[in-house]
Amino acid sequence: MPFVRFIGFSVVRAWQGFWRNAMMSLAATATVVLMLVLLSGLFIVITGLNAGLAFIESKVAVTARLEDDLTSTARDRLIAEVEAMPGVASVAYISPAAAMERLEQSYREIGRTLDLGDPDSNITLFASLEISLADPDASGAVSSAVADSDDVDRVLTKQAEYDTLLGIINVIRTVGFVGITLVGLTVLFMIINTIRIAVYSRANEIEIMRLVGATDSFIRWPFILEGVLCGLIGAVVTIVLVAAVWDPIQPAMVTIFQMPTAVSTQFLTTLSLLLFGVGLGLGALGSWISVRSYLSATR
C-alpha cells in the first residue's frame, strides 16, 4: 500500500537523519531528558503537596472550648446555631470524659501510659465543640462567629497551617512552571536547530524531490519524525531513570507528605504518559517549525 510504504520511507529517513547529525541530535535528546527530569520532579512534588493539601482540607476544623458552667440547654442551642452557619458540615460535642479518653488513647498508640500524678487530683479536661467544615475557606468566618458567643471560652483552628501549605504550593508551582517553561523553550530551540541543520545538509536532495513532483508533506514528514525521535528517546530515557529511583521515592513521598495514595501505580502510569506526550509534542513541534520555515523560504 502506498501509505504504508510512505510511512516506512519516512521512518527510515528519520532514523538515518538522526545519526547523520549525531552530535546535534544527541545534544537535543539530552536537553529533552533534562527538561523531562525536571518536569517529573515538579509533577511528583506538586502531586504530593496537593495530596497533603487535600488531607489538611479534610482536617481543617474549628474547635470551640466551652464555658465550664454551660448548661445542656445552652449547649444544644449553641450547637443548633453553629450547624446553621454557612460552610459548616457538622458539629460534634466532646465531653470532658471523652476528651480524657482521647488523650489516653493517643498515649497508648505510641506505647506509653498517661500519668496524671496524684490519683486523687481529679483532673478533668474542658468540654468542646468540634466543628467540621464543608469549605476550608469558611474557617475564618466560622471562628469569628463562634468566638462572639458568650458560651464559648476559646476558639482553636488549623487555618494557619492550611494557609501556610497553600502558600508553599503556590510558590513551588510558580517557580517550577517558570523553570520548566525556560527549559522547554531551550529544548524547542535545540530541536529546531538540529532539524534545520539536517534540512540544509539535504537541500540538494529536497530540490530534486521537488523537481520530480514530491509534495511538501512528503518532504516534511521524515524531518518531523526525526524530531519526534529525539523526543521519544528522551522520554524513554527519563521514564527508565524515574523507574530506577521509584522504590526509594515511594517511602520518601509517604514520609514527607503522609499520603501513600500519591505513589500508586496509577500515578506512575500517569507520569509516564505525561513524559511521552511532552517529549513527542516538543519534538514534533520543533521539527514542524523548522521544516515549515525552510520550505516557505525556498518556494
Protein backbone atom coordinates (compact mmCIF):
# COMPACT_ATOMS: atom_id res chain seq x y z
CA MET A 1 0.00 0.00 0.00
CA PRO A 2 1.32 3.48 -0.86
CA PHE A 3 0.54 4.86 2.61
CA VAL A 4 2.41 2.04 4.38
CA ARG A 5 5.39 2.46 2.03
CA PHE A 6 5.37 6.20 2.73
CA ILE A 7 5.39 5.60 6.50
CA GLY A 8 8.22 3.09 6.15
CA PHE A 9 10.19 5.52 3.98
CA SER A 10 9.67 8.37 6.47
CA VAL A 11 10.75 6.27 9.47
CA VAL A 12 13.90 5.02 7.71
CA ARG A 13 14.84 8.54 6.58
CA ALA A 14 14.21 9.91 10.05
CA TRP A 15 16.50 7.27 11.61
CA GLN A 16 19.21 7.98 9.03
CA GLY A 17 18.88 11.74 9.58
CA PHE A 18 19.11 11.32 13.35
CA TRP A 19 22.50 9.59 13.10
CA ARG A 20 23.75 11.74 10.22
CA ASN A 21 23.80 14.69 12.65
CA ALA A 22 24.51 12.53 15.68
CA MET A 23 26.19 15.24 17.78
CA MET A 24 23.34 17.73 17.46
CA SER A 25 20.68 15.01 17.71
CA LEU A 26 22.17 13.62 20.93
CA ALA A 27 22.57 17.13 22.36
CA ALA A 28 18.89 17.83 21.65
CA THR A 29 17.91 14.48 23.16
CA ALA A 30 19.98 15.17 26.30
CA THR A 31 18.22 18.53 26.67
CA VAL A 32 14.87 16.77 26.33
CA VAL A 33 15.92 14.37 29.11
CA LEU A 34 16.91 17.30 31.35
CA MET A 35 13.57 19.02 30.81
CA LEU A 36 11.57 15.84 31.40
CA VAL A 37 13.54 15.02 34.56
CA LEU A 38 12.70 18.49 35.90
CA LEU A 39 9.08 18.02 34.83
CA SER A 40 8.97 14.64 36.62
CA GLY A 41 10.33 16.17 39.82
CA LEU A 42 7.85 19.05 39.66
CA PHE A 43 4.96 16.69 38.95
CA ILE A 44 5.90 14.41 41.86
CA VAL A 45 6.30 17.29 44.31
CA ILE A 46 3.11 19.09 43.21
CA THR A 47 1.11 15.85 43.34
CA GLY A 48 2.41 15.14 46.83
CA LEU A 49 1.68 18.67 48.03
CA ASN A 50 -1.80 18.58 46.51
CA ALA A 51 -2.44 15.27 48.29
CA GLY A 52 -1.21 16.81 51.54
CA LEU A 53 -3.38 19.87 50.94
CA ALA A 54 -6.43 17.68 50.34
CA PHE A 55 -5.65 15.81 53.56
CA ILE A 56 -5.35 19.05 55.54
CA GLU A 57 -8.52 20.38 53.91
CA SER A 58 -10.36 17.33 55.22
CA LYS A 59 -8.95 18.03 58.69
CA VAL A 60 -9.46 21.79 58.77
CA ALA A 61 -11.90 22.30 61.60
CA VAL A 62 -12.78 24.75 64.32
CA THR A 63 -12.63 23.67 67.95
CA ALA A 64 -14.64 25.78 70.37
CA ARG A 65 -13.80 25.43 74.07
CA LEU A 66 -17.00 25.83 76.06
CA GLU A 67 -17.50 27.68 79.32
CA ASP A 68 -17.27 25.41 82.38
CA ASP A 69 -20.70 26.31 83.72
CA LEU A 70 -22.56 25.87 80.41
CA THR A 71 -25.91 24.11 80.80
CA SER A 72 -27.06 21.36 78.47
CA THR A 73 -29.87 23.61 77.20
CA ALA A 74 -27.45 26.41 76.31
CA ARG A 75 -25.09 23.86 74.74
CA ASP A 76 -27.81 22.41 72.50
CA ARG A 77 -28.86 25.92 71.46
CA LEU A 78 -25.25 26.78 70.59
CA ILE A 79 -24.87 23.56 68.55
CA ALA A 80 -28.02 24.39 66.57
CA GLU A 81 -26.75 27.93 65.88
CA VAL A 82 -23.36 26.68 64.70
CA GLU A 83 -24.89 23.98 62.47
CA ALA A 84 -26.91 26.68 60.73
CA MET A 85 -23.79 28.70 59.83
CA PRO A 86 -22.67 28.72 56.15
CA GLY A 87 -19.76 26.40 55.47
CA VAL A 88 -20.37 24.13 58.47
CA ALA A 89 -20.66 20.41 57.69
CA SER A 90 -21.27 19.01 61.18
CA VAL A 91 -20.86 19.77 64.88
CA ALA A 92 -19.82 17.21 67.50
CA TYR A 93 -19.91 17.72 71.25
CA ILE A 94 -16.84 16.37 73.06
CA SER A 95 -17.41 15.93 76.78
CA PRO A 96 -14.52 16.19 79.30
CA ALA A 97 -14.66 12.39 79.76
CA ALA A 98 -14.45 11.82 76.01
CA ALA A 99 -11.54 14.27 75.75
CA MET A 100 -9.70 12.38 78.51
CA GLU A 101 -10.29 9.07 76.72
CA ARG A 102 -8.88 10.53 73.51
CA LEU A 103 -5.78 11.73 75.36
CA GLU A 104 -5.22 8.32 76.94
CA GLN A 105 -5.72 6.64 73.55
CA SER A 106 -3.11 8.87 71.92
CA TYR A 107 -0.61 7.84 74.59
CA ARG A 108 -1.46 4.15 74.10
CA GLU A 109 -0.85 4.45 70.36
CA ILE A 110 2.77 5.47 71.00
CA GLY A 111 3.24 2.77 73.62
CA ARG A 112 3.04 4.99 76.70
CA THR A 113 0.67 5.39 79.62
CA LEU A 114 -0.78 8.75 80.58
CA ASP A 115 0.47 9.73 84.06
CA LEU A 116 -1.82 12.23 85.79
CA GLY A 117 0.17 12.23 89.02
CA ASP A 118 -1.89 12.00 92.22
CA PRO A 119 -4.93 9.70 91.62
CA ASP A 120 -6.99 11.96 93.89
CA SER A 121 -6.21 15.12 91.94
CA ASN A 122 -9.43 14.72 89.89
CA ILE A 123 -8.00 16.33 86.76
CA THR A 124 -10.58 16.97 84.03
CA LEU A 125 -10.36 18.39 80.53
CA PHE A 126 -12.62 21.04 79.06
CA ALA A 127 -15.76 20.37 77.04
CA SER A 128 -15.67 21.49 73.44
CA LEU A 129 -17.46 21.55 70.12
CA GLU A 130 -15.62 20.11 67.11
CA ILE A 131 -16.90 21.91 64.02
CA SER A 132 -16.20 20.18 60.69
CA LEU A 133 -16.23 22.46 57.67
CA ALA A 134 -17.64 21.80 54.22
CA ASP A 135 -15.39 24.58 52.88
CA PRO A 136 -11.93 25.17 54.42
CA ASP A 137 -12.10 28.83 53.39
CA ALA A 138 -15.04 29.29 55.77
CA SER A 139 -12.76 28.72 58.77
CA GLY A 140 -12.20 32.42 59.44
CA ALA A 141 -15.86 33.43 59.29
CA VAL A 142 -16.99 30.46 61.42
CA SER A 143 -14.26 31.09 64.00
CA SER A 144 -15.21 34.75 64.33
CA ALA A 145 -18.90 33.99 64.67
CA VAL A 146 -18.35 31.25 67.27
CA ALA A 147 -15.86 33.37 69.25
CA ASP A 148 -18.51 36.09 69.65
CA SER A 149 -20.73 33.71 71.60
CA ASP A 150 -20.83 34.18 75.37
CA ASP A 151 -20.93 30.39 75.79
CA VAL A 152 -17.51 29.91 74.17
CA ASP A 153 -14.32 30.44 76.14
CA ARG A 154 -11.78 29.99 73.34
CA VAL A 155 -11.59 29.05 69.64
CA LEU A 156 -8.84 26.96 68.04
CA THR A 157 -8.35 26.38 64.29
CA LYS A 158 -5.85 24.90 61.82
CA GLN A 159 -6.39 27.64 59.27
CA ALA A 160 -2.83 28.91 59.73
CA GLU A 161 -1.35 25.53 58.75
CA TYR A 162 -3.68 25.36 55.75
CA ASP A 163 -2.74 28.86 54.57
CA THR A 164 0.97 28.12 55.01
CA LEU A 165 0.82 24.94 52.93
CA LEU A 166 -1.28 26.66 50.27
CA GLY A 167 1.30 29.46 50.04
CA ILE A 168 4.16 26.95 49.72
CA ILE A 169 2.35 25.07 46.95
CA ASN A 170 1.70 28.29 45.02
CA VAL A 171 5.36 29.33 45.25
CA ILE A 172 6.59 25.89 44.13
CA ARG A 173 4.09 25.86 41.28
CA THR A 174 5.19 29.29 40.06
CA VAL A 175 8.93 28.63 40.32
CA GLY A 176 8.55 25.15 38.83
CA PHE A 177 6.43 26.26 35.89
CA VAL A 178 8.81 29.14 35.11
CA GLY A 179 11.78 26.75 35.22
CA ILE A 180 10.05 24.14 33.07
CA THR A 181 8.99 26.81 30.57
CA LEU A 182 12.56 28.11 30.20
CA VAL A 183 13.98 24.61 29.78
CA GLY A 184 11.15 23.74 27.38
CA LEU A 185 11.98 26.75 25.20
CA THR A 186 15.63 25.66 25.22
CA VAL A 187 14.59 22.16 24.11
CA LEU A 188 12.44 23.64 21.35
CA PHE A 189 15.33 25.82 20.18
CA MET A 190 17.72 22.84 20.16
CA ILE A 191 15.33 20.68 18.14
CA ILE A 192 14.61 23.49 15.67
CA ASN A 193 18.32 23.99 15.05
CA THR A 194 19.02 20.25 14.86
CA ILE A 195 16.36 19.76 12.18
CA ARG A 196 17.40 22.95 10.41
CA ILE A 197 20.95 21.62 10.04
CA ALA A 198 19.53 18.33 8.74
CA VAL A 199 17.36 20.19 6.23
CA TYR A 200 20.21 22.35 4.92
CA SER A 201 22.51 19.34 4.62
CA ARG A 202 19.95 17.70 2.35
CA ALA A 203 18.96 20.81 0.41
CA ASN A 204 20.00 19.33 -2.94
CA GLU A 205 18.06 16.15 -2.25
CA ILE A 206 14.97 18.20 -1.33
CA GLU A 207 15.27 20.21 -4.55
CA ILE A 208 15.46 17.03 -6.64
CA MET A 209 12.40 15.63 -4.83
CA ARG A 210 10.51 18.81 -5.68
CA LEU A 211 11.52 18.59 -9.32
CA VAL A 212 10.09 15.07 -9.61
CA GLY A 213 6.81 16.19 -8.07
CA ALA A 214 7.16 15.47 -4.32
CA THR A 215 4.71 17.43 -2.20
CA ASP A 216 5.73 19.46 0.83
CA SER A 217 4.07 16.87 3.07
CA PHE A 218 6.17 14.09 1.54
CA ILE A 219 9.33 16.13 2.16
CA ARG A 220 8.27 17.33 5.62
CA TRP A 221 7.35 14.08 7.40
CA PRO A 222 10.81 12.44 7.60
CA PHE A 223 12.15 15.57 9.30
CA ILE A 224 9.18 15.77 11.66
CA LEU A 225 9.70 12.12 12.62
CA GLU A 226 13.38 12.87 13.21
CA GLY A 227 12.38 15.46 15.81
CA VAL A 228 9.81 13.07 17.24
CA LEU A 229 12.63 10.51 17.57
CA CYS A 230 14.59 12.96 19.74
CA GLY A 231 11.55 13.43 21.97
CA LEU A 232 10.78 9.71 22.05
CA ILE A 233 14.30 8.69 23.08
CA GLY A 234 14.37 11.46 25.67
CA ALA A 235 11.03 10.31 27.13
CA VAL A 236 12.11 6.66 27.25
CA VAL A 237 15.41 7.54 28.98
CA THR A 238 13.58 9.71 31.52
CA ILE A 239 10.99 7.02 32.29
CA VAL A 240 13.80 4.49 32.81
CA LEU A 241 15.54 6.91 35.19
CA VAL A 242 12.32 7.53 37.15
CA ALA A 243 11.60 3.79 37.31
CA ALA A 244 15.15 3.16 38.59
CA VAL A 245 14.66 5.52 41.56
CA TRP A 246 10.96 4.77 42.07
CA ASP A 247 11.47 2.38 45.01
CA PRO A 248 13.26 4.97 47.20
CA ILE A 249 10.89 7.70 46.01
CA GLN A 250 7.76 5.94 47.32
CA PRO A 251 8.68 5.80 51.05
CA ALA A 252 10.06 9.33 50.82
CA MET A 253 6.74 10.54 49.41
CA VAL A 254 4.81 8.78 52.15
CA THR A 255 7.12 10.14 54.85
CA ILE A 256 7.12 13.72 53.57
CA PHE A 257 3.50 14.05 52.51
CA GLN A 258 1.89 11.33 54.67
CA MET A 259 -0.18 10.29 51.65
CA PRO A 260 0.58 6.82 50.24
CA THR A 261 -2.05 7.30 47.52
CA ALA A 262 0.30 9.80 45.89
CA VAL A 263 2.68 6.99 44.89
CA SER A 264 0.24 4.47 43.46
CA THR A 265 0.77 2.52 40.22
CA GLN A 266 -1.78 4.75 38.55
CA PHE A 267 0.36 7.76 39.46
CA LEU A 268 3.44 6.24 37.76
CA THR A 269 1.36 5.43 34.67
CA THR A 270 0.05 9.00 34.52
CA LEU A 271 3.58 10.37 34.87
CA SER A 272 4.86 8.10 32.06
CA LEU A 273 2.06 9.21 29.72
CA LEU A 274 2.80 12.85 30.56
CA LEU A 275 6.50 12.40 29.73
CA PHE A 276 5.71 10.66 26.45
CA GLY A 277 3.22 13.35 25.48
CA VAL A 278 5.53 16.28 26.28
CA GLY A 279 8.58 14.65 24.68
CA LEU A 280 6.82 13.71 21.45
CA GLY A 281 4.93 17.00 21.31
CA LEU A 282 8.06 19.16 21.64
CA GLY A 283 9.93 17.04 19.10
CA ALA A 284 7.14 17.27 16.56
CA LEU A 285 6.56 21.00 17.13
CA GLY A 286 10.23 21.92 16.81
CA SER A 287 10.62 19.89 13.63
CA TRP A 288 7.44 21.28 12.09
CA ILE A 289 8.52 24.88 12.76
CA SER A 290 11.99 24.29 11.29
CA VAL A 291 10.86 22.46 8.13
CA ARG A 292 7.92 24.77 7.50
CA SER A 293 10.13 27.89 7.65
CA TYR A 294 12.64 26.34 5.24
CA LEU A 295 10.05 25.13 2.73
CA SER A 296 8.28 28.50 2.81
CA ALA A 297 11.54 30.37 2.21
CA THR A 298 12.59 28.22 -0.75
CA ARG A 299 9.34 28.18 -2.72
